N, C-alpha and C. Protein backbone atom coordinates (compact mmCIF):
# COMPACT_ATOMS: atom_id res chain seq x y z
N MET A 1 99.06 62.19 90.94
CA MET A 1 99.78 62.25 91.89
C MET A 1 100.08 63.61 92.61
N SER A 2 100.49 63.56 93.70
CA SER A 2 100.59 65.24 94.12
C SER A 2 101.90 65.23 94.79
N GLY A 3 101.90 66.15 95.54
CA GLY A 3 103.28 66.89 95.75
C GLY A 3 103.30 67.85 97.19
N HIS A 4 103.96 67.71 97.71
CA HIS A 4 103.95 68.67 99.04
C HIS A 4 105.41 69.67 98.83
N PHE A 5 105.41 71.03 98.26
CA PHE A 5 106.36 71.66 98.33
C PHE A 5 105.95 73.19 98.60
N VAL A 6 107.08 73.87 98.65
CA VAL A 6 106.85 75.58 98.86
C VAL A 6 107.36 75.90 97.48
N ALA A 7 106.07 77.11 97.24
CA ALA A 7 106.59 77.41 95.87
C ALA A 7 106.48 79.13 96.01
N ARG A 8 106.98 79.89 95.40
CA ARG A 8 107.23 80.98 95.39
C ARG A 8 106.83 82.13 94.78
N VAL A 9 106.00 83.19 95.07
CA VAL A 9 105.19 84.15 94.35
C VAL A 9 106.08 85.61 93.50
N ARG A 10 106.71 85.31 92.34
CA ARG A 10 107.29 86.44 91.73
C ARG A 10 107.02 87.68 91.61
N LYS A 11 107.64 88.57 91.48
CA LYS A 11 107.43 89.70 91.28
C LYS A 11 106.24 90.66 90.36
N ASP A 12 106.37 89.47 89.75
CA ASP A 12 104.98 89.74 88.42
C ASP A 12 104.00 89.05 88.79
N GLY A 13 103.87 88.53 89.78
CA GLY A 13 102.77 87.54 90.21
C GLY A 13 102.90 85.97 89.66
N LYS A 14 103.74 85.51 89.23
CA LYS A 14 103.62 84.05 88.75
C LYS A 14 104.05 83.53 89.49
N ILE A 15 103.76 82.10 89.83
CA ILE A 15 104.13 81.01 91.04
C ILE A 15 105.14 80.67 90.31
N THR A 16 106.19 79.75 90.94
CA THR A 16 107.64 78.90 89.91
C THR A 16 107.26 77.69 91.54
N ILE A 17 107.54 76.69 90.49
CA ILE A 17 107.24 75.50 91.09
C ILE A 17 108.52 74.35 90.70
N PRO A 18 109.47 74.58 91.69
CA PRO A 18 110.51 73.65 91.53
C PRO A 18 111.24 72.50 90.87
N LYS A 19 111.90 72.47 90.11
CA LYS A 19 112.43 72.01 89.11
C LYS A 19 111.84 70.25 89.38
N GLU A 20 112.50 69.89 90.72
CA GLU A 20 112.68 68.58 90.58
C GLU A 20 111.01 68.10 91.17
N ILE A 21 110.34 69.02 91.90
CA ILE A 21 108.61 68.90 92.21
C ILE A 21 108.58 68.61 89.68
N ARG A 22 108.27 69.51 89.26
CA ARG A 22 107.82 69.79 88.08
C ARG A 22 108.20 68.34 87.36
N GLU A 23 109.68 67.34 87.71
CA GLU A 23 109.99 66.54 86.64
C GLU A 23 109.40 65.39 87.55
N LEU A 24 108.99 65.07 88.93
CA LEU A 24 108.48 64.38 89.64
C LEU A 24 106.85 64.42 89.44
N LEU A 25 106.11 65.38 89.01
CA LEU A 25 105.23 65.16 88.87
C LEU A 25 104.39 64.73 87.11
N LYS A 26 105.85 65.33 86.29
CA LYS A 26 105.90 65.55 84.89
C LYS A 26 104.93 66.48 84.49
N ILE A 27 104.91 67.55 84.95
CA ILE A 27 104.22 68.76 84.74
C ILE A 27 105.51 69.69 83.30
N GLU A 28 104.60 70.08 82.12
CA GLU A 28 105.51 70.37 80.87
C GLU A 28 104.58 71.83 80.88
N PRO A 29 105.52 72.64 80.32
CA PRO A 29 105.54 74.23 80.67
C PRO A 29 104.13 74.24 79.69
N GLY A 30 103.17 74.84 80.18
CA GLY A 30 102.32 75.51 79.53
C GLY A 30 101.03 75.00 79.74
N GLU A 31 101.38 73.57 80.72
CA GLU A 31 100.25 72.59 81.09
C GLU A 31 99.69 73.35 82.13
N LEU A 32 98.25 72.80 82.70
CA LEU A 32 97.48 73.86 83.85
C LEU A 32 97.58 72.49 84.67
N VAL A 33 97.27 72.95 85.74
CA VAL A 33 97.67 71.94 87.34
C VAL A 33 96.72 72.54 87.76
N ASN A 34 96.02 71.87 89.41
CA ASN A 34 95.17 72.15 89.96
C ASN A 34 96.06 72.33 91.28
N ILE A 35 95.98 73.71 91.98
CA ILE A 35 96.85 73.92 93.40
C ILE A 35 96.16 74.36 94.22
N ASP A 36 96.06 73.51 95.52
CA ASP A 36 95.39 74.35 96.11
C ASP A 36 96.57 75.00 97.04
N ILE A 37 96.50 76.33 97.40
CA ILE A 37 97.26 77.02 98.20
C ILE A 37 96.77 77.73 99.41
N ARG A 38 98.15 77.56 100.30
CA ARG A 38 97.76 78.10 101.46
C ARG A 38 99.69 78.95 101.57
N LYS A 39 99.53 79.95 102.92
CA LYS A 39 100.88 80.51 103.26
C LYS A 39 101.41 79.04 104.36
N PRO A 40 102.25 79.06 104.41
CA PRO A 40 103.10 78.00 105.05
C PRO A 40 103.27 78.76 106.61
N ASN A 41 103.38 77.54 107.43
CA ASN A 41 103.65 77.98 108.54
C ASN A 41 105.16 77.91 108.78
N TRP A 42 105.78 78.48 109.98
CA TRP A 42 107.35 78.59 109.73
C TRP A 42 107.87 76.92 110.16
N TRP A 43 107.02 76.21 110.81
CA TRP A 43 107.67 74.56 110.59
C TRP A 43 107.36 74.02 109.17
N ASP A 44 106.63 74.48 108.81
CA ASP A 44 106.31 73.73 107.02
C ASP A 44 107.74 74.17 106.06
N LEU A 45 108.84 75.44 106.46
CA LEU A 45 109.67 75.45 105.90
C LEU A 45 111.18 74.96 106.12
N LEU A 46 111.03 74.20 107.26
CA LEU A 46 112.32 73.05 107.78
C LEU A 46 112.27 71.50 107.75
N ASP A 47 113.29 71.12 107.29
CA ASP A 47 113.49 69.64 107.21
C ASP A 47 113.77 68.90 108.55
N TRP A 48 112.73 68.46 108.85
CA TRP A 48 112.84 68.03 109.78
C TRP A 48 113.60 66.56 110.19
N ASP A 49 113.30 65.85 109.22
CA ASP A 49 114.56 64.85 108.39
C ASP A 49 116.00 64.90 109.36
N GLU A 50 116.17 66.29 108.48
CA GLU A 50 117.45 66.95 108.31
C GLU A 50 118.06 67.46 109.88
N LEU A 51 116.96 67.80 110.83
CA LEU A 51 117.34 68.58 111.69
C LEU A 51 117.60 67.66 113.27
N GLY A 52 116.85 66.48 112.75
CA GLY A 52 116.98 65.35 113.92
C GLY A 52 115.79 65.41 114.47
N GLU A 53 115.55 64.15 115.58
CA GLU A 53 114.49 64.36 116.42
C GLU A 53 114.80 65.10 117.68
N GLU A 54 116.13 65.22 117.74
CA GLU A 54 116.23 66.16 119.26
C GLU A 54 115.56 67.25 118.85
N ALA A 55 115.26 68.11 118.19
CA ALA A 55 115.05 69.57 117.44
C ALA A 55 113.53 69.07 117.40
N PHE A 56 112.93 68.20 116.83
CA PHE A 56 111.86 67.81 116.71
C PHE A 56 111.17 67.58 118.19
N ASN A 57 111.61 66.71 119.18
CA ASN A 57 110.87 66.59 120.53
C ASN A 57 111.08 67.98 121.53
N ARG A 58 111.66 69.02 120.82
CA ARG A 58 111.89 70.15 121.70
C ARG A 58 110.39 70.62 121.52
N LEU A 59 109.84 70.93 120.31
CA LEU A 59 108.47 70.97 120.34
C LEU A 59 107.75 71.03 121.23
N PRO A 60 107.00 71.62 121.25
CA PRO A 60 105.50 71.64 121.73
C PRO A 60 104.43 70.97 121.18
N GLU A 61 103.51 69.89 121.60
CA GLU A 61 102.97 68.39 121.41
C GLU A 61 102.12 69.55 120.32
N GLU A 62 101.06 70.43 120.69
CA GLU A 62 100.24 70.64 119.66
C GLU A 62 101.07 71.05 118.36
N ILE A 63 102.62 71.56 118.38
CA ILE A 63 103.02 72.09 117.07
C ILE A 63 103.59 70.55 116.39
N LYS A 64 104.14 69.37 117.42
CA LYS A 64 104.48 68.23 116.73
C LYS A 64 103.18 67.61 115.57
N GLN A 65 102.57 67.41 116.14
CA GLN A 65 100.51 67.21 115.42
C GLN A 65 100.72 67.61 114.29
N LYS A 66 101.06 68.96 113.98
CA LYS A 66 100.92 69.33 112.72
C LYS A 66 102.40 69.45 111.74
N ILE A 67 102.91 68.75 112.48
CA ILE A 67 104.46 68.31 111.08
C ILE A 67 104.01 67.07 110.31
N LYS A 68 103.85 67.39 109.17
CA LYS A 68 104.35 66.16 108.41
C LYS A 68 105.38 65.62 107.91
N ARG A 69 105.85 64.18 108.38
CA ARG A 69 107.14 63.90 108.57
C ARG A 69 106.97 62.72 107.78
N ASN A 70 108.42 62.78 106.55
CA ASN A 70 108.37 61.13 105.66
C ASN A 70 108.76 60.09 106.48
């Protein structure tokens, strides 16, 4: 099972995974996981379903193609 989410790197260098993602993927404390890391683009940080179709339609076509929508 895989998931897409934004994680935060703490000042001590550890990466935190949101609780709901840990529960969804059944990740236990101390368990090793494979994570593909990249810095998010600004559009990755927004909930496009919540923003609505009008906001999405205002974007340039090349940005629309990069956005993963549910």
